[in-house]
Every structure is written in structure tokens, then in C-alpha cells.
Amino acid sequence: MVNGAIEPKNLAARMGISPKRLRAILRAERPRAPEVKGKKWEISPTLAKEVEKAYKAKKAAKEAAKQAEIKKELEGEE
């Protein structure tokens, strides 16, 4: 790996997701330049931190929305 780059399998393990899911997230949110498509992924430490932070924030927001929906349903039952 170049310049301390991180392999997708290592970053995915840190995030608790599969490497396939991580690559899908990266493709959707951080598309690569055409000249590196089809080549081995090299994720910089900076990008890794950004992706982890965004993933955790999205996951927390999803969980908060789920909890709010459950609370709303329970309140409606009273």
C-alpha cells in the first residue's frame, strides 16, 4: 500500500461491515476517477476517518429515527 493507505477489508473490519458493503458506500459517496476504476482500492487515512465518521453519524441518525418511531407508536397505544 502507498502512503499508509488502508485496505478495504481492514477499514470494513474496523467499521463492523463487510468489505463489499464498504466498497458500495465508497462508490456511492466517493466515486473514483475513471483511470483508477478496476484497480485495487487504496484508502487514505484521511478518507478512512471521513468515511467512518459519516457512517457512524448515518447509523446513529437511523437508530434515533427508529427509536422515535417506536416511542410514537407506544404513545399512541395509551
Protein backbone atom coordinates (compact mmCIF):
# COMPACT_ATOMS: atom_id res chain seq x y z
CA MET A 1 0.00 0.00 0.00
CA VAL A 2 1.16 3.50 -0.76
CA ASN A 3 1.50 6.34 1.77
CA GLY A 4 -0.10 4.44 4.65
CA ALA A 5 -3.19 3.56 2.61
CA ILE A 6 -5.70 1.24 4.23
CA GLU A 7 -7.15 -1.85 2.56
CA PRO A 8 -10.95 -2.05 2.37
CA LYS A 9 -11.01 -5.29 4.38
CA ASN A 10 -9.18 -3.61 7.28
CA LEU A 11 -11.37 -0.50 7.27
CA ALA A 12 -14.52 -2.60 6.94
CA ALA A 13 -13.46 -4.68 9.95
CA ARG A 14 -12.97 -1.50 11.99
CA MET A 15 -16.44 -0.33 10.96
CA GLY A 16 -18.11 -3.70 11.57
CA ILE A 17 -19.31 -4.14 7.98
CA SER A 18 -18.30 -6.30 5.05
CA PRO A 19 -15.67 -5.11 2.57
CA LYS A 20 -18.30 -5.41 -0.16
CA ARG A 21 -20.62 -3.03 1.74
CA LEU A 22 -17.74 -0.60 2.31
CA ARG A 23 -16.87 -0.54 -1.38
CA ALA A 24 -20.55 0.10 -2.21
CA ILE A 25 -20.57 3.04 0.22
CA LEU A 26 -17.36 4.40 -1.29
CA ARG A 27 -18.69 4.06 -4.85
CA ALA A 28 -21.89 5.88 -3.92
CA GLU A 29 -20.39 8.64 -1.80
CA ARG A 30 -16.82 8.96 -3.06
CA PRO A 31 -16.63 7.89 -6.72
CA ARG A 32 -13.14 7.19 -8.02
CA ALA A 33 -11.55 8.75 -11.07
CA PRO A 34 -12.02 6.76 -14.29
CA GLU A 35 -8.31 5.93 -14.54
CA VAL A 36 -8.31 4.02 -11.22
CA LYS A 37 -11.59 2.16 -11.67
CA GLY A 38 -11.00 -1.58 -11.73
CA LYS A 39 -7.74 -1.24 -9.79
CA LYS A 40 -7.01 -2.14 -6.19
CA TRP A 41 -8.59 0.21 -3.65
CA GLU A 42 -6.16 2.37 -1.68
CA ILE A 43 -7.97 4.33 1.01
CA SER A 44 -6.02 7.18 2.57
CA PRO A 45 -6.11 7.56 6.36
CA THR A 46 -7.93 10.88 5.91
CA LEU A 47 -10.61 9.33 3.71
CA ALA A 48 -10.92 6.40 6.11
CA LYS A 49 -11.63 8.76 9.00
CA GLU A 50 -14.19 10.70 6.95
CA VAL A 51 -15.97 7.54 5.83
CA GLU A 52 -16.03 6.10 9.36
CA LYS A 53 -17.38 9.35 10.80
CA ALA A 54 -20.09 9.68 8.13
CA TYR A 55 -21.09 6.03 8.51
CA LYS A 56 -21.37 6.31 12.30
CA ALA A 57 -23.41 9.52 12.01
CA LYS A 58 -25.77 7.97 9.45
CA LYS A 59 -26.14 4.84 11.57
CA ALA A 60 -26.86 6.90 14.72
CA ALA A 61 -29.44 9.02 12.88
CA LYS A 62 -31.16 5.90 11.57
CA GLU A 63 -31.26 4.39 15.05
CA ALA A 64 -32.61 7.65 16.55
CA ALA A 65 -35.36 7.77 13.93
CA LYS A 66 -36.24 4.15 14.66
CA GLN A 67 -36.42 4.84 18.40
CA ALA A 68 -38.57 7.94 17.81
CA GLU A 69 -40.96 5.89 15.68
CA ILE A 70 -41.22 3.21 18.38
CA LYS A 71 -41.86 5.88 21.02
CA LYS A 72 -44.55 7.49 18.87
CA GLU A 73 -46.26 4.13 18.37
CA LEU A 74 -46.16 3.37 22.10
CA GLU A 75 -47.58 6.77 22.98
CA GLY A 76 -50.43 6.21 20.55
CA GLU A 77 -51.41 3.00 22.30
CA GLU A 78 -52.15 4.67 25.64
